[in-house]
mmCIF file of all heavy atoms, coordinates in Angstrom:
data_MODEL
# 
_entry.id   MODEL 
# 
loop_
_atom_site.group_PDB 
_atom_site.id 
_atom_site.type_symbol 
_atom_site.label_atom_id 
_atom_site.label_alt_id 
_atom_site.label_comp_id 
_atom_site.label_asym_id 
_atom_site.label_entity_id 
_atom_site.label_seq_id 
_atom_site.pdbx_PDB_ins_code 
_atom_site.Cartn_x 
_atom_site.Cartn_y 
_atom_site.Cartn_z 
_atom_site.occupancy 
_atom_site.B_iso_or_equiv 
_atom_site.pdbx_formal_charge 
_atom_site.auth_seq_id 
_atom_site.auth_comp_id 
_atom_site.auth_asym_id 
_atom_site.auth_atom_id 
_atom_site.pdbx_PDB_model_num 
ATOM 1   N N   . ASN A 1 1  ? -41.593 -14.262 -16.267 1.00 0.00 ? 1  ASN A N   1 
ATOM 2   C CA  . ASN A 1 1  ? -41.311 -15.431 -15.508 1.00 0.00 ? 1  ASN A CA  1 
ATOM 3   C C   . ASN A 1 1  ? -39.894 -15.409 -14.873 1.00 0.00 ? 1  ASN A C   1 
ATOM 4   O O   . ASN A 1 1  ? -39.181 -16.398 -14.902 1.00 0.00 ? 1  ASN A O   1 
ATOM 5   C CB  . ASN A 1 1  ? -41.436 -16.706 -16.381 1.00 0.00 ? 1  ASN A CB  1 
ATOM 6   C CG  . ASN A 1 1  ? -41.613 -17.968 -15.528 1.00 0.00 ? 1  ASN A CG  1 
ATOM 7   O OD1 . ASN A 1 1  ? -42.158 -17.920 -14.473 1.00 0.00 ? 1  ASN A OD1 1 
ATOM 8   N ND2 . ASN A 1 1  ? -41.103 -19.103 -16.031 1.00 0.00 ? 1  ASN A ND2 1 
ATOM 9   N N   . ARG A 1 2  ? -39.435 -14.263 -14.388 1.00 0.00 ? 2  ARG A N   1 
ATOM 10  C CA  . ARG A 1 2  ? -38.175 -14.162 -13.725 1.00 0.00 ? 2  ARG A CA  1 
ATOM 11  C C   . ARG A 1 2  ? -38.172 -12.944 -12.792 1.00 0.00 ? 2  ARG A C   1 
ATOM 12  O O   . ARG A 1 2  ? -39.113 -12.117 -12.901 1.00 0.00 ? 2  ARG A O   1 
ATOM 13  C CB  . ARG A 1 2  ? -37.052 -14.075 -14.725 1.00 0.00 ? 2  ARG A CB  1 
ATOM 14  C CG  . ARG A 1 2  ? -37.076 -12.780 -15.601 1.00 0.00 ? 2  ARG A CG  1 
ATOM 15  C CD  . ARG A 1 2  ? -35.834 -12.744 -16.480 1.00 0.00 ? 2  ARG A CD  1 
ATOM 16  N NE  . ARG A 1 2  ? -35.844 -11.569 -17.348 1.00 0.00 ? 2  ARG A NE  1 
ATOM 17  C CZ  . ARG A 1 2  ? -35.405 -10.387 -17.027 1.00 0.00 ? 2  ARG A CZ  1 
ATOM 18  N NH1 . ARG A 1 2  ? -34.974 -10.137 -15.754 1.00 0.00 ? 2  ARG A NH1 1 
ATOM 19  N NH2 . ARG A 1 2  ? -35.417 -9.341  -17.889 1.00 0.00 ? 2  ARG A NH2 1 
ATOM 20  N N   . ARG A 1 3  ? -37.212 -12.881 -11.957 1.00 0.00 ? 3  ARG A N   1 
ATOM 21  C CA  . ARG A 1 3  ? -37.049 -11.716 -11.064 1.00 0.00 ? 3  ARG A CA  1 
ATOM 22  C C   . ARG A 1 3  ? -36.548 -10.503 -11.850 1.00 0.00 ? 3  ARG A C   1 
ATOM 23  O O   . ARG A 1 3  ? -35.730 -10.625 -12.720 1.00 0.00 ? 3  ARG A O   1 
ATOM 24  C CB  . ARG A 1 3  ? -36.068 -12.057 -9.937  1.00 0.00 ? 3  ARG A CB  1 
ATOM 25  C CG  . ARG A 1 3  ? -36.041 -11.060 -8.822  1.00 0.00 ? 3  ARG A CG  1 
ATOM 26  C CD  . ARG A 1 3  ? -35.137 -11.542 -7.728  1.00 0.00 ? 3  ARG A CD  1 
ATOM 27  N NE  . ARG A 1 3  ? -35.231 -10.677 -6.571  1.00 0.00 ? 3  ARG A NE  1 
ATOM 28  C CZ  . ARG A 1 3  ? -34.529 -9.543  -6.361  1.00 0.00 ? 3  ARG A CZ  1 
ATOM 29  N NH1 . ARG A 1 3  ? -33.680 -9.142  -7.304  1.00 0.00 ? 3  ARG A NH1 1 
ATOM 30  N NH2 . ARG A 1 3  ? -34.726 -8.809  -5.299  1.00 0.00 ? 3  ARG A NH2 1 
ATOM 31  N N   . ILE A 1 4  ? -37.135 -9.347  -11.527 1.00 0.00 ? 4  ILE A N   1 
ATOM 32  C CA  . ILE A 1 4  ? -36.773 -8.104  -12.200 1.00 0.00 ? 4  ILE A CA  1 
ATOM 33  C C   . ILE A 1 4  ? -36.251 -7.118  -11.174 1.00 0.00 ? 4  ILE A C   1 
ATOM 34  O O   . ILE A 1 4  ? -36.556 -7.222  -9.981  1.00 0.00 ? 4  ILE A O   1 
ATOM 35  C CB  . ILE A 1 4  ? -37.915 -7.521  -13.023 1.00 0.00 ? 4  ILE A CB  1 
ATOM 36  C CG1 . ILE A 1 4  ? -39.164 -7.213  -12.097 1.00 0.00 ? 4  ILE A CG1 1 
ATOM 37  C CG2 . ILE A 1 4  ? -38.373 -8.463  -14.143 1.00 0.00 ? 4  ILE A CG2 1 
ATOM 38  C CD1 . ILE A 1 4  ? -40.252 -6.506  -12.817 1.00 0.00 ? 4  ILE A CD1 1 
ATOM 39  N N   . THR A 1 5  ? -35.479 -6.140  -11.636 1.00 0.00 ? 5  THR A N   1 
ATOM 40  C CA  . THR A 1 5  ? -34.919 -5.166  -10.783 1.00 0.00 ? 5  THR A CA  1 
ATOM 41  C C   . THR A 1 5  ? -35.930 -4.053  -10.377 1.00 0.00 ? 5  THR A C   1 
ATOM 42  O O   . THR A 1 5  ? -36.624 -3.561  -11.315 1.00 0.00 ? 5  THR A O   1 
ATOM 43  C CB  . THR A 1 5  ? -33.671 -4.481  -11.405 1.00 0.00 ? 5  THR A CB  1 
ATOM 44  O OG1 . THR A 1 5  ? -32.709 -5.484  -11.724 1.00 0.00 ? 5  THR A OG1 1 
ATOM 45  C CG2 . THR A 1 5  ? -33.072 -3.480  -10.420 1.00 0.00 ? 5  THR A CG2 1 
ATOM 46  N N   . GLY A 1 6  ? -36.051 -3.693  -9.138  1.00 0.00 ? 6  GLY A N   1 
ATOM 47  C CA  . GLY A 1 6  ? -36.993 -2.728  -8.678  1.00 0.00 ? 6  GLY A CA  1 
ATOM 48  C C   . GLY A 1 6  ? -36.381 -1.334  -8.648  1.00 0.00 ? 6  GLY A C   1 
ATOM 49  O O   . GLY A 1 6  ? -35.168 -1.114  -8.962  1.00 0.00 ? 6  GLY A O   1 
ATOM 50  N N   . ASN A 1 7  ? -37.153 -0.373  -8.200  1.00 0.00 ? 7  ASN A N   1 
ATOM 51  C CA  . ASN A 1 7  ? -36.701 1.018   -8.039  1.00 0.00 ? 7  ASN A CA  1 
ATOM 52  C C   . ASN A 1 7  ? -37.005 1.566   -6.708  1.00 0.00 ? 7  ASN A C   1 
ATOM 53  O O   . ASN A 1 7  ? -37.917 1.100   -5.996  1.00 0.00 ? 7  ASN A O   1 
ATOM 54  C CB  . ASN A 1 7  ? -37.442 1.895   -9.120  1.00 0.00 ? 7  ASN A CB  1 
ATOM 55  C CG  . ASN A 1 7  ? -37.069 1.585   -10.502 1.00 0.00 ? 7  ASN A CG  1 
ATOM 56  O OD1 . ASN A 1 7  ? -36.004 1.931   -11.018 1.00 0.00 ? 7  ASN A OD1 1 
ATOM 57  N ND2 . ASN A 1 7  ? -37.942 0.808   -11.184 1.00 0.00 ? 7  ASN A ND2 1 
ATOM 58  N N   . ASP A 1 8  ? -36.254 2.530   -6.276  1.00 0.00 ? 8  ASP A N   1 
ATOM 59  C CA  . ASP A 1 8  ? -36.489 3.251   -5.034  1.00 0.00 ? 8  ASP A CA  1 
ATOM 60  C C   . ASP A 1 8  ? -37.018 4.642   -5.254  1.00 0.00 ? 8  ASP A C   1 
ATOM 61  O O   . ASP A 1 8  ? -36.667 5.241   -6.314  1.00 0.00 ? 8  ASP A O   1 
ATOM 62  C CB  . ASP A 1 8  ? -35.149 3.388   -4.244  1.00 0.00 ? 8  ASP A CB  1 
ATOM 63  C CG  . ASP A 1 8  ? -34.552 2.015   -3.914  1.00 0.00 ? 8  ASP A CG  1 
ATOM 64  O OD1 . ASP A 1 8  ? -35.267 1.042   -4.046  1.00 0.00 ? 8  ASP A OD1 1 
ATOM 65  O OD2 . ASP A 1 8  ? -33.342 2.000   -3.545  1.00 0.00 ? 8  ASP A OD2 1 
ATOM 66  N N   . LEU A 1 9  ? -37.870 5.123   -4.404  1.00 0.00 ? 9  LEU A N   1 
ATOM 67  C CA  . LEU A 1 9  ? -38.411 6.500   -4.490  1.00 0.00 ? 9  LEU A CA  1 
ATOM 68  C C   . LEU A 1 9  ? -38.743 7.055   -3.148  1.00 0.00 ? 9  LEU A C   1 
ATOM 69  O O   . LEU A 1 9  ? -39.282 6.341   -2.327  1.00 0.00 ? 9  LEU A O   1 
ATOM 70  C CB  . LEU A 1 9  ? -39.639 6.459   -5.420  1.00 0.00 ? 9  LEU A CB  1 
ATOM 71  C CG  . LEU A 1 9  ? -40.426 7.781   -5.490  1.00 0.00 ? 9  LEU A CG  1 
ATOM 72  C CD1 . LEU A 1 9  ? -39.633 8.845   -6.258  1.00 0.00 ? 9  LEU A CD1 1 
ATOM 73  C CD2 . LEU A 1 9  ? -41.769 7.560   -6.224  1.00 0.00 ? 9  LEU A CD2 1 
ATOM 74  N N   . ASP A 1 10 ? -38.456 8.288   -2.969  1.00 0.00 ? 10 ASP A N   1 
ATOM 75  C CA  . ASP A 1 10 ? -38.903 9.007   -1.797  1.00 0.00 ? 10 ASP A CA  1 
ATOM 76  C C   . ASP A 1 10 ? -39.188 10.462  -2.218  1.00 0.00 ? 10 ASP A C   1 
ATOM 77  O O   . ASP A 1 10 ? -38.285 11.210  -2.534  1.00 0.00 ? 10 ASP A O   1 
ATOM 78  C CB  . ASP A 1 10 ? -37.793 9.010   -0.684  1.00 0.00 ? 10 ASP A CB  1 
ATOM 79  C CG  . ASP A 1 10 ? -38.292 9.560   0.651   1.00 0.00 ? 10 ASP A CG  1 
ATOM 80  O OD1 . ASP A 1 10 ? -39.366 10.254  0.639   1.00 0.00 ? 10 ASP A OD1 1 
ATOM 81  O OD2 . ASP A 1 10 ? -37.661 9.266   1.690   1.00 0.00 ? 10 ASP A OD2 1 
ATOM 82  N N   . ASP A 1 11 ? -40.486 10.784  -2.203  1.00 0.00 ? 11 ASP A N   1 
ATOM 83  C CA  . ASP A 1 11 ? -40.883 12.105  -2.668  1.00 0.00 ? 11 ASP A CA  1 
ATOM 84  C C   . ASP A 1 11 ? -40.684 13.181  -1.627  1.00 0.00 ? 11 ASP A C   1 
ATOM 85  O O   . ASP A 1 11 ? -41.017 14.373  -1.887  1.00 0.00 ? 11 ASP A O   1 
ATOM 86  C CB  . ASP A 1 11 ? -42.298 12.095  -3.248  1.00 0.00 ? 11 ASP A CB  1 
ATOM 87  C CG  . ASP A 1 11 ? -43.362 11.892  -2.135  1.00 0.00 ? 11 ASP A CG  1 
ATOM 88  O OD1 . ASP A 1 11 ? -42.988 11.822  -0.921  1.00 0.00 ? 11 ASP A OD1 1 
ATOM 89  O OD2 . ASP A 1 11 ? -44.567 11.895  -2.476  1.00 0.00 ? 11 ASP A OD2 1 
ATOM 90  N N   . ALA A 1 12 ? -40.274 12.784  -0.363  1.00 0.00 ? 12 ALA A N   1 
ATOM 91  C CA  . ALA A 1 12 ? -40.037 13.773  0.711   1.00 0.00 ? 12 ALA A CA  1 
ATOM 92  C C   . ALA A 1 12 ? -41.201 14.681  0.949   1.00 0.00 ? 12 ALA A C   1 
ATOM 93  O O   . ALA A 1 12 ? -41.057 15.798  1.418   1.00 0.00 ? 12 ALA A O   1 
ATOM 94  C CB  . ALA A 1 12 ? -38.805 14.585  0.357   1.00 0.00 ? 12 ALA A CB  1 
ATOM 95  N N   . GLY A 1 13 ? -42.435 14.160  0.682   1.00 0.00 ? 13 GLY A N   1 
ATOM 96  C CA  . GLY A 1 13 ? -43.636 14.921  0.964   1.00 0.00 ? 13 GLY A CA  1 
ATOM 97  C C   . GLY A 1 13 ? -43.898 15.986  -0.044  1.00 0.00 ? 13 GLY A C   1 
ATOM 98  O O   . GLY A 1 13 ? -44.770 16.838  0.136   1.00 0.00 ? 13 GLY A O   1 
ATOM 99  N N   . LYS A 1 14 ? -43.233 16.030  -1.228  1.00 0.00 ? 14 LYS A N   1 
ATOM 100 C CA  . LYS A 1 14 ? -43.430 17.050  -2.214  1.00 0.00 ? 14 LYS A CA  1 
ATOM 101 C C   . LYS A 1 14 ? -44.760 16.924  -2.937  1.00 0.00 ? 14 LYS A C   1 
ATOM 102 O O   . LYS A 1 14 ? -45.333 17.928  -3.302  1.00 0.00 ? 14 LYS A O   1 
ATOM 103 C CB  . LYS A 1 14 ? -42.305 16.994  -3.261  1.00 0.00 ? 14 LYS A CB  1 
ATOM 104 C CG  . LYS A 1 14 ? -40.875 17.250  -2.658  1.00 0.00 ? 14 LYS A CG  1 
ATOM 105 C CD  . LYS A 1 14 ? -40.757 18.583  -2.038  1.00 0.00 ? 14 LYS A CD  1 
ATOM 106 C CE  . LYS A 1 14 ? -39.324 18.847  -1.563  1.00 0.00 ? 14 LYS A CE  1 
ATOM 107 N NZ  . LYS A 1 14 ? -39.198 20.184  -0.874  1.00 0.00 ? 14 LYS A NZ  1 
ATOM 108 N N   . GLY A 1 15 ? -45.173 15.677  -3.140  1.00 0.00 ? 15 GLY A N   1 
ATOM 109 C CA  . GLY A 1 15 ? -46.496 15.490  -3.734  1.00 0.00 ? 15 GLY A CA  1 
ATOM 110 C C   . GLY A 1 15 ? -46.521 15.509  -5.274  1.00 0.00 ? 15 GLY A C   1 
ATOM 111 O O   . GLY A 1 15 ? -47.501 15.156  -5.868  1.00 0.00 ? 15 GLY A O   1 
ATOM 112 N N   . LEU A 1 16 ? -45.379 15.894  -5.872  1.00 0.00 ? 16 LEU A N   1 
ATOM 113 C CA  . LEU A 1 16 ? -45.308 15.862  -7.329  1.00 0.00 ? 16 LEU A CA  1 
ATOM 114 C C   . LEU A 1 16 ? -43.921 15.354  -7.733  1.00 0.00 ? 16 LEU A C   1 
ATOM 115 O O   . LEU A 1 16 ? -42.911 15.906  -7.270  1.00 0.00 ? 16 LEU A O   1 
ATOM 116 C CB  . LEU A 1 16 ? -45.523 17.292  -7.942  1.00 0.00 ? 16 LEU A CB  1 
ATOM 117 C CG  . LEU A 1 16 ? -45.350 17.399  -9.488  1.00 0.00 ? 16 LEU A CG  1 
ATOM 118 C CD1 . LEU A 1 16 ? -46.388 16.569  -10.187 1.00 0.00 ? 16 LEU A CD1 1 
ATOM 119 C CD2 . LEU A 1 16 ? -45.470 18.900  -9.883  1.00 0.00 ? 16 LEU A CD2 1 
ATOM 120 N N   . VAL A 1 17 ? -43.848 14.335  -8.591  1.00 0.00 ? 17 VAL A N   1 
ATOM 121 C CA  . VAL A 1 17 ? -42.607 13.762  -9.059  1.00 0.00 ? 17 VAL A CA  1 
ATOM 122 C C   . VAL A 1 17 ? -42.716 13.687  -10.565 1.00 0.00 ? 17 VAL A C   1 
ATOM 123 O O   . VAL A 1 17 ? -43.710 13.235  -11.133 1.00 0.00 ? 17 VAL A O   1 
ATOM 124 C CB  . VAL A 1 17 ? -42.410 12.325  -8.475  1.00 0.00 ? 17 VAL A CB  1 
ATOM 125 C CG1 . VAL A 1 17 ? -41.094 11.767  -9.012  1.00 0.00 ? 17 VAL A CG1 1 
ATOM 126 C CG2 . VAL A 1 17 ? -42.337 12.394  -6.936  1.00 0.00 ? 17 VAL A CG2 1 
ATOM 127 N N   . ILE A 1 18 ? -41.674 14.223  -11.264 1.00 0.00 ? 18 ILE A N   1 
ATOM 128 C CA  . ILE A 1 18 ? -41.639 14.147  -12.716 1.00 0.00 ? 18 ILE A CA  1 
ATOM 129 C C   . ILE A 1 18 ? -40.632 13.071  -13.094 1.00 0.00 ? 18 ILE A C   1 
ATOM 130 O O   . ILE A 1 18 ? -39.486 13.060  -12.692 1.00 0.00 ? 18 ILE A O   1 
ATOM 131 C CB  . ILE A 1 18 ? -41.167 15.492  -13.283 1.00 0.00 ? 18 ILE A CB  1 
ATOM 132 C CG1 . ILE A 1 18 ? -42.178 16.584  -12.926 1.00 0.00 ? 18 ILE A CG1 1 
ATOM 133 C CG2 . ILE A 1 18 ? -41.012 15.401  -14.785 1.00 0.00 ? 18 ILE A CG2 1 
ATOM 134 C CD1 . ILE A 1 18 ? -41.761 17.985  -13.388 1.00 0.00 ? 18 ILE A CD1 1 
ATOM 135 N N   . ILE A 1 19 ? -41.102 12.089  -13.880 1.00 0.00 ? 19 ILE A N   1 
ATOM 136 C CA  . ILE A 1 19 ? -40.290 10.963  -14.303 1.00 0.00 ? 19 ILE A CA  1 
ATOM 137 C C   . ILE A 1 19 ? -39.758 11.238  -15.704 1.00 0.00 ? 19 ILE A C   1 
ATOM 138 O O   . ILE A 1 19 ? -40.537 11.456  -16.648 1.00 0.00 ? 19 ILE A O   1 
ATOM 139 C CB  . ILE A 1 19 ? -41.157 9.659   -14.295 1.00 0.00 ? 19 ILE A CB  1 
ATOM 140 C CG1 . ILE A 1 19 ? -41.832 9.439   -12.918 1.00 0.00 ? 19 ILE A CG1 1 
ATOM 141 C CG2 . ILE A 1 19 ? -40.237 8.430   -14.611 1.00 0.00 ? 19 ILE A CG2 1 
ATOM 142 C CD1 . ILE A 1 19 ? -40.895 9.306   -11.791 1.00 0.00 ? 19 ILE A CD1 1 
ATOM 143 N N   . THR A 1 20 ? -38.460 11.281  -15.851 1.00 0.00 ? 20 THR A N   1 
ATOM 144 C CA  . THR A 1 20 ? -37.834 11.478  -17.185 1.00 0.00 ? 20 THR A CA  1 
ATOM 145 C C   . THR A 1 20 ? -36.903 10.407  -17.538 1.00 0.00 ? 20 THR A C   1 
ATOM 146 O O   . THR A 1 20 ? -36.446 9.578   -16.647 1.00 0.00 ? 20 THR A O   1 
ATOM 147 C CB  . THR A 1 20 ? -37.074 12.888  -17.176 1.00 0.00 ? 20 THR A CB  1 
ATOM 148 O OG1 . THR A 1 20 ? -35.943 12.738  -16.264 1.00 0.00 ? 20 THR A OG1 1 
ATOM 149 C CG2 . THR A 1 20 ? -37.968 13.994  -16.723 1.00 0.00 ? 20 THR A CG2 1 
ATOM 150 N N   . GLY A 1 21 ? -36.500 10.347  -18.814 1.00 0.00 ? 21 GLY A N   1 
ATOM 151 C CA  . GLY A 1 21 ? -35.558 9.299   -19.188 1.00 0.00 ? 21 GLY A CA  1 
ATOM 152 C C   . GLY A 1 21 ? -35.732 9.009   -20.670 1.00 0.00 ? 21 GLY A C   1 
ATOM 153 O O   . GLY A 1 21 ? -36.641 9.443   -21.369 1.00 0.00 ? 21 GLY A O   1 
ATOM 154 N N   . ALA A 1 22 ? -34.827 8.213   -21.206 1.00 0.00 ? 22 ALA A N   1 
ATOM 155 C CA  . ALA A 1 22 ? -34.833 7.845   -22.646 1.00 0.00 ? 22 ALA A CA  1 
ATOM 156 C C   . ALA A 1 22 ? -36.013 6.953   -22.984 1.00 0.00 ? 22 ALA A C   1 
ATOM 157 O O   . ALA A 1 22 ? -36.565 6.295   -22.070 1.00 0.00 ? 22 ALA A O   1 
ATOM 158 C CB  . ALA A 1 22 ? -33.553 7.188   -23.003 1.00 0.00 ? 22 ALA A CB  1 
ATOM 159 N N   . ASN A 1 23 ? -36.301 6.878   -24.241 1.00 0.00 ? 23 ASN A N   1 
ATOM 160 C CA  . ASN A 1 23 ? -37.359 5.908   -24.719 1.00 0.00 ? 23 ASN A CA  1 
ATOM 161 C C   . ASN A 1 23 ? -36.936 4.495   -24.347 1.00 0.00 ? 23 ASN A C   1 
ATOM 162 O O   . ASN A 1 23 ? -35.720 4.146   -24.413 1.00 0.00 ? 23 ASN A O   1 
ATOM 163 C CB  . ASN A 1 23 ? -37.534 6.030   -26.230 1.00 0.00 ? 23 ASN A CB  1 
ATOM 164 C CG  . ASN A 1 23 ? -38.184 7.332   -26.590 1.00 0.00 ? 23 ASN A CG  1 
ATOM 165 O OD1 . ASN A 1 23 ? -38.863 8.000   -25.777 1.00 0.00 ? 23 ASN A OD1 1 
ATOM 166 N ND2 . ASN A 1 23 ? -37.980 7.752   -27.904 1.00 0.00 ? 23 ASN A ND2 1 
ATOM 167 N N   . GLN A 1 24 ? -37.930 3.666   -23.979 1.00 0.00 ? 24 GLN A N   1 
ATOM 168 C CA  . GLN A 1 24 ? -37.683 2.298   -23.538 1.00 0.00 ? 24 GLN A CA  1 
ATOM 169 C C   . GLN A 1 24 ? -36.798 2.238   -22.333 1.00 0.00 ? 24 GLN A C   1 
ATOM 170 O O   . GLN A 1 24 ? -36.074 1.242   -22.077 1.00 0.00 ? 24 GLN A O   1 
ATOM 171 C CB  . GLN A 1 24 ? -37.024 1.500   -24.714 1.00 0.00 ? 24 GLN A CB  1 
ATOM 172 C CG  . GLN A 1 24 ? -37.864 1.485   -26.003 1.00 0.00 ? 24 GLN A CG  1 
ATOM 173 C CD  . GLN A 1 24 ? -39.248 0.849   -25.796 1.00 0.00 ? 24 GLN A CD  1 
ATOM 174 O OE1 . GLN A 1 24 ? -39.333 -0.220  -25.169 1.00 0.00 ? 24 GLN A OE1 1 
ATOM 175 N NE2 . GLN A 1 24 ? -40.280 1.478   -26.272 1.00 0.00 ? 24 GLN A NE2 1 
ATOM 176 N N   . GLY A 1 25 ? -36.756 3.303   -21.555 1.00 0.00 ? 25 GLY A N   1 
ATOM 177 C CA  . GLY A 1 25 ? -35.926 3.325   -20.365 1.00 0.00 ? 25 GLY A CA  1 
ATOM 178 C C   . GLY A 1 25 ? -36.580 2.826   -19.101 1.00 0.00 ? 25 GLY A C   1 
ATOM 179 O O   . GLY A 1 25 ? -35.969 2.800   -18.064 1.00 0.00 ? 25 GLY A O   1 
ATOM 180 N N   . GLY A 1 26 ? -37.832 2.499   -19.182 1.00 0.00 ? 26 GLY A N   1 
ATOM 181 C CA  . GLY A 1 26 ? -38.532 1.915   -18.004 1.00 0.00 ? 26 GLY A CA  1 
ATOM 182 C C   . GLY A 1 26 ? -39.497 2.848   -17.309 1.00 0.00 ? 26 GLY A C   1 
ATOM 183 O O   . GLY A 1 26 ? -39.989 2.515   -16.209 1.00 0.00 ? 26 GLY A O   1 
# 
């Protein structure tokens, strides 16, 4: 019930993106 922060992404036509980060990092 509030506004949340979004994310930006541009895969530059690569077709495969690997998402990494800490636990509970989103």
